[in-house]
Amino acid sequence: MMRYFFNLHECGQITFDEDGVDHTDIGSVRRSAIRAARDIMAAEVRAGQLCLSCHIEVFDAAGHQVLKLPFKDAIGVTGL
């Protein structure tokens, strides 16, 4: 297991993940980032807004970026 840190970039603000989460592989990291983005977006929608330019950057314990997940990539938009 390796520790990964999920930093949230939201509307010009950065929230740094100080604790991190252990994952076995990059697929697990991606799934976790998608779940986090969807949870945040669901809360935004309940509040009557949605920012699709926000993103989550994931770093490994050595400080290397392993994933950047734009919120817009965490959902599919239909019915337009």
N, C-alpha and C. Protein backbone atom coordinates (compact mmCIF):
# COMPACT_ATOMS: atom_id res chain seq x y z
N MET A 1 0.84 -1.18 0.00
CA MET A 1 0.00 0.00 0.00
C MET A 1 0.88 1.24 0.00
N MET A 2 0.40 2.24 -0.71
CA MET A 2 1.08 3.53 -0.73
C MET A 2 0.10 4.61 -0.28
N ARG A 3 0.64 5.68 0.29
CA ARG A 3 -0.19 6.79 0.76
C ARG A 3 -0.28 7.85 -0.34
N TYR A 4 -1.51 8.33 -0.58
CA TYR A 4 -1.77 9.35 -1.57
C TYR A 4 -2.51 10.51 -0.92
N PHE A 5 -2.26 11.70 -1.45
CA PHE A 5 -2.82 12.93 -0.90
C PHE A 5 -3.69 13.60 -1.96
N PHE A 6 -4.94 13.89 -1.60
CA PHE A 6 -5.94 14.40 -2.51
C PHE A 6 -6.17 15.88 -2.22
N ASN A 7 -5.59 16.75 -3.04
CA ASN A 7 -5.72 18.19 -2.84
C ASN A 7 -6.85 18.72 -3.71
N LEU A 8 -7.76 19.46 -3.08
CA LEU A 8 -8.93 19.97 -3.76
C LEU A 8 -8.69 21.41 -4.22
N HIS A 9 -8.89 21.65 -5.52
CA HIS A 9 -8.81 23.00 -6.10
C HIS A 9 -10.24 23.40 -6.44
N GLU A 10 -10.77 24.34 -5.66
CA GLU A 10 -12.17 24.69 -5.78
C GLU A 10 -12.35 26.20 -5.77
N CYS A 11 -12.74 26.75 -6.93
CA CYS A 11 -13.06 28.18 -7.07
C CYS A 11 -11.94 29.07 -6.54
N GLY A 12 -10.71 28.78 -6.93
CA GLY A 12 -9.57 29.60 -6.55
C GLY A 12 -8.97 29.28 -5.20
N GLN A 13 -9.55 28.35 -4.47
CA GLN A 13 -9.03 27.95 -3.17
C GLN A 13 -8.46 26.53 -3.26
N ILE A 14 -7.39 26.29 -2.53
CA ILE A 14 -6.81 24.95 -2.47
C ILE A 14 -6.93 24.44 -1.04
N THR A 15 -7.50 23.24 -0.92
CA THR A 15 -7.56 22.56 0.37
C THR A 15 -6.60 21.39 0.29
N PHE A 16 -5.54 21.45 1.10
CA PHE A 16 -4.51 20.42 1.07
C PHE A 16 -4.90 19.25 1.97
N ASP A 17 -4.71 18.06 1.46
CA ASP A 17 -4.94 16.83 2.22
C ASP A 17 -3.70 16.58 3.07
N GLU A 18 -3.80 16.80 4.35
CA GLU A 18 -2.64 16.67 5.25
C GLU A 18 -2.44 15.23 5.70
N ASP A 19 -3.50 14.41 5.64
CA ASP A 19 -3.43 13.05 6.17
C ASP A 19 -3.14 11.99 5.10
N GLY A 20 -3.77 12.12 3.97
CA GLY A 20 -3.61 11.13 2.92
C GLY A 20 -4.42 9.88 3.19
N VAL A 21 -4.45 9.03 2.17
CA VAL A 21 -5.19 7.77 2.23
C VAL A 21 -4.34 6.69 1.57
N ASP A 22 -4.34 5.50 2.14
CA ASP A 22 -3.59 4.38 1.56
C ASP A 22 -4.40 3.72 0.46
N HIS A 23 -3.72 3.44 -0.67
CA HIS A 23 -4.34 2.74 -1.80
C HIS A 23 -3.35 1.72 -2.34
N THR A 24 -3.90 0.70 -2.98
CA THR A 24 -3.07 -0.37 -3.52
C THR A 24 -2.55 -0.09 -4.92
N ASP A 25 -3.32 0.70 -5.71
CA ASP A 25 -2.92 0.95 -7.09
C ASP A 25 -3.57 2.23 -7.60
N ILE A 26 -3.14 2.67 -8.77
CA ILE A 26 -3.63 3.92 -9.34
C ILE A 26 -5.11 3.85 -9.71
N GLY A 27 -5.60 2.67 -10.04
CA GLY A 27 -7.03 2.51 -10.33
C GLY A 27 -7.88 2.82 -9.11
N SER A 28 -7.43 2.36 -7.97
CA SER A 28 -8.11 2.63 -6.71
C SER A 28 -8.06 4.12 -6.37
N VAL A 29 -6.93 4.74 -6.66
CA VAL A 29 -6.77 6.19 -6.44
C VAL A 29 -7.77 6.95 -7.31
N ARG A 30 -7.87 6.58 -8.57
CA ARG A 30 -8.80 7.26 -9.49
C ARG A 30 -10.24 7.09 -9.05
N ARG A 31 -10.62 5.89 -8.67
CA ARG A 31 -11.99 5.66 -8.21
C ARG A 31 -12.30 6.50 -6.97
N SER A 32 -11.34 6.60 -6.07
CA SER A 32 -11.52 7.41 -4.87
C SER A 32 -11.67 8.89 -5.20
N ALA A 33 -10.87 9.38 -6.15
CA ALA A 33 -10.96 10.78 -6.57
C ALA A 33 -12.31 11.06 -7.23
N ILE A 34 -12.80 10.13 -8.04
CA ILE A 34 -14.10 10.30 -8.69
C ILE A 34 -15.21 10.35 -7.65
N ARG A 35 -15.16 9.44 -6.66
CA ARG A 35 -16.18 9.46 -5.60
C ARG A 35 -16.16 10.79 -4.85
N ALA A 36 -14.95 11.28 -4.52
CA ALA A 36 -14.83 12.55 -3.79
C ALA A 36 -15.39 13.70 -4.62
N ALA A 37 -15.05 13.76 -5.90
CA ALA A 37 -15.54 14.83 -6.76
C ALA A 37 -17.06 14.78 -6.86
N ARG A 38 -17.62 13.59 -7.01
CA ARG A 38 -19.08 13.46 -7.12
C ARG A 38 -19.77 13.87 -5.82
N ASP A 39 -19.18 13.52 -4.68
CA ASP A 39 -19.75 13.92 -3.39
C ASP A 39 -19.76 15.44 -3.26
N ILE A 40 -18.67 16.08 -3.64
CA ILE A 40 -18.57 17.54 -3.56
C ILE A 40 -19.58 18.19 -4.50
N MET A 41 -19.67 17.66 -5.73
CA MET A 41 -20.62 18.22 -6.70
C MET A 41 -22.06 18.03 -6.24
N ALA A 42 -22.36 16.90 -5.63
CA ALA A 42 -23.73 16.66 -5.14
C ALA A 42 -24.09 17.70 -4.08
N ALA A 43 -23.15 18.01 -3.19
CA ALA A 43 -23.40 19.03 -2.17
C ALA A 43 -23.59 20.40 -2.81
N GLU A 44 -22.79 20.69 -3.85
CA GLU A 44 -22.95 21.97 -4.56
C GLU A 44 -24.32 22.07 -5.21
N VAL A 45 -24.77 21.00 -5.85
CA VAL A 45 -26.07 21.01 -6.52
C VAL A 45 -27.18 21.22 -5.49
N ARG A 46 -27.08 20.56 -4.32
CA ARG A 46 -28.08 20.77 -3.27
C ARG A 46 -28.11 22.23 -2.83
N ALA A 47 -26.97 22.92 -2.92
CA ALA A 47 -26.90 24.34 -2.55
C ALA A 47 -27.28 25.25 -3.72
N GLY A 48 -27.58 24.65 -4.89
CA GLY A 48 -28.04 25.43 -6.03
C GLY A 48 -26.96 25.95 -6.94
N GLN A 49 -25.78 25.33 -6.90
CA GLN A 49 -24.69 25.76 -7.79
C GLN A 49 -23.86 24.54 -8.19
N LEU A 50 -23.04 24.71 -9.21
CA LEU A 50 -22.14 23.64 -9.63
C LEU A 50 -20.97 24.25 -10.38
N CYS A 51 -19.77 23.99 -9.93
CA CYS A 51 -18.54 24.48 -10.57
C CYS A 51 -17.83 23.30 -11.23
N LEU A 52 -17.82 23.28 -12.55
CA LEU A 52 -17.16 22.18 -13.27
C LEU A 52 -15.70 22.48 -13.59
N SER A 53 -15.21 23.66 -13.20
CA SER A 53 -13.79 23.96 -13.44
C SER A 53 -12.92 23.56 -12.25
N CYS A 54 -13.52 23.07 -11.18
CA CYS A 54 -12.75 22.61 -10.02
C CYS A 54 -12.10 21.26 -10.36
N HIS A 55 -11.08 20.90 -9.57
CA HIS A 55 -10.41 19.62 -9.80
C HIS A 55 -9.73 19.12 -8.54
N ILE A 56 -9.37 17.85 -8.58
CA ILE A 56 -8.61 17.21 -7.50
C ILE A 56 -7.27 16.78 -8.08
N GLU A 57 -6.20 17.15 -7.40
CA GLU A 57 -4.86 16.68 -7.76
C GLU A 57 -4.40 15.69 -6.71
N VAL A 58 -3.88 14.57 -7.16
CA VAL A 58 -3.44 13.52 -6.24
C VAL A 58 -1.93 13.37 -6.35
N PHE A 59 -1.29 13.36 -5.18
CA PHE A 59 0.16 13.22 -5.08
C PHE A 59 0.51 11.99 -4.28
N ASP A 60 1.62 11.34 -4.65
CA ASP A 60 2.10 10.22 -3.84
C ASP A 60 2.93 10.76 -2.67
N ALA A 61 3.40 9.87 -1.82
CA ALA A 61 4.13 10.26 -0.62
C ALA A 61 5.45 10.97 -0.94
N ALA A 62 5.97 10.76 -2.14
CA ALA A 62 7.22 11.41 -2.55
C ALA A 62 6.95 12.81 -3.12
N GLY A 63 5.68 13.20 -3.22
CA GLY A 63 5.34 14.52 -3.73
C GLY A 63 5.14 14.60 -5.22
N HIS A 64 5.07 13.44 -5.90
CA HIS A 64 4.85 13.42 -7.34
C HIS A 64 3.35 13.38 -7.64
N GLN A 65 2.93 14.23 -8.57
CA GLN A 65 1.53 14.21 -8.97
C GLN A 65 1.28 12.95 -9.79
N VAL A 66 0.25 12.17 -9.39
CA VAL A 66 -0.07 10.94 -10.10
C VAL A 66 -1.40 11.02 -10.83
N LEU A 67 -2.21 12.05 -10.50
CA LEU A 67 -3.52 12.17 -11.12
C LEU A 67 -4.02 13.60 -10.97
N LYS A 68 -4.65 14.09 -12.03
CA LYS A 68 -5.41 15.34 -11.96
C LYS A 68 -6.79 15.02 -12.51
N LEU A 69 -7.82 15.18 -11.68
CA LEU A 69 -9.17 14.84 -12.08
C LEU A 69 -10.04 16.10 -12.10
N PRO A 70 -10.31 16.65 -13.29
CA PRO A 70 -11.28 17.74 -13.39
C PRO A 70 -12.67 17.22 -13.02
N PHE A 71 -13.44 18.01 -12.30
CA PHE A 71 -14.78 17.58 -11.92
C PHE A 71 -15.60 17.18 -13.13
N LYS A 72 -15.43 17.90 -14.24
CA LYS A 72 -16.23 17.59 -15.44
C LYS A 72 -15.97 16.19 -15.97
N ASP A 73 -14.82 15.60 -15.61
CA ASP A 73 -14.51 14.24 -16.05
C ASP A 73 -15.08 13.18 -15.12
N ALA A 74 -15.69 13.59 -14.02
CA ALA A 74 -16.22 12.64 -13.04
C ALA A 74 -17.70 12.34 -13.26
N ILE A 75 -18.31 13.04 -14.24
CA ILE A 75 -19.73 12.83 -14.51
C ILE A 75 -19.99 12.82 -16.01
N GLY A 76 -21.12 12.31 -16.39
CA GLY A 76 -21.60 12.41 -17.75
C GLY A 76 -22.80 13.35 -17.77
N VAL A 77 -22.85 14.25 -18.73
CA VAL A 77 -23.96 15.19 -18.83
C VAL A 77 -24.83 14.74 -20.00
N THR A 78 -26.11 14.60 -19.73
CA THR A 78 -27.05 14.16 -20.78
C THR A 78 -28.19 15.16 -20.90
N GLY A 79 -28.96 15.04 -21.94
CA GLY A 79 -30.17 15.81 -22.09
C GLY A 79 -29.98 17.25 -22.50
N LEU A 80 -28.82 17.59 -23.06
CA LEU A 80 -28.60 18.97 -23.48
C LEU A 80 -29.23 19.24 -24.84
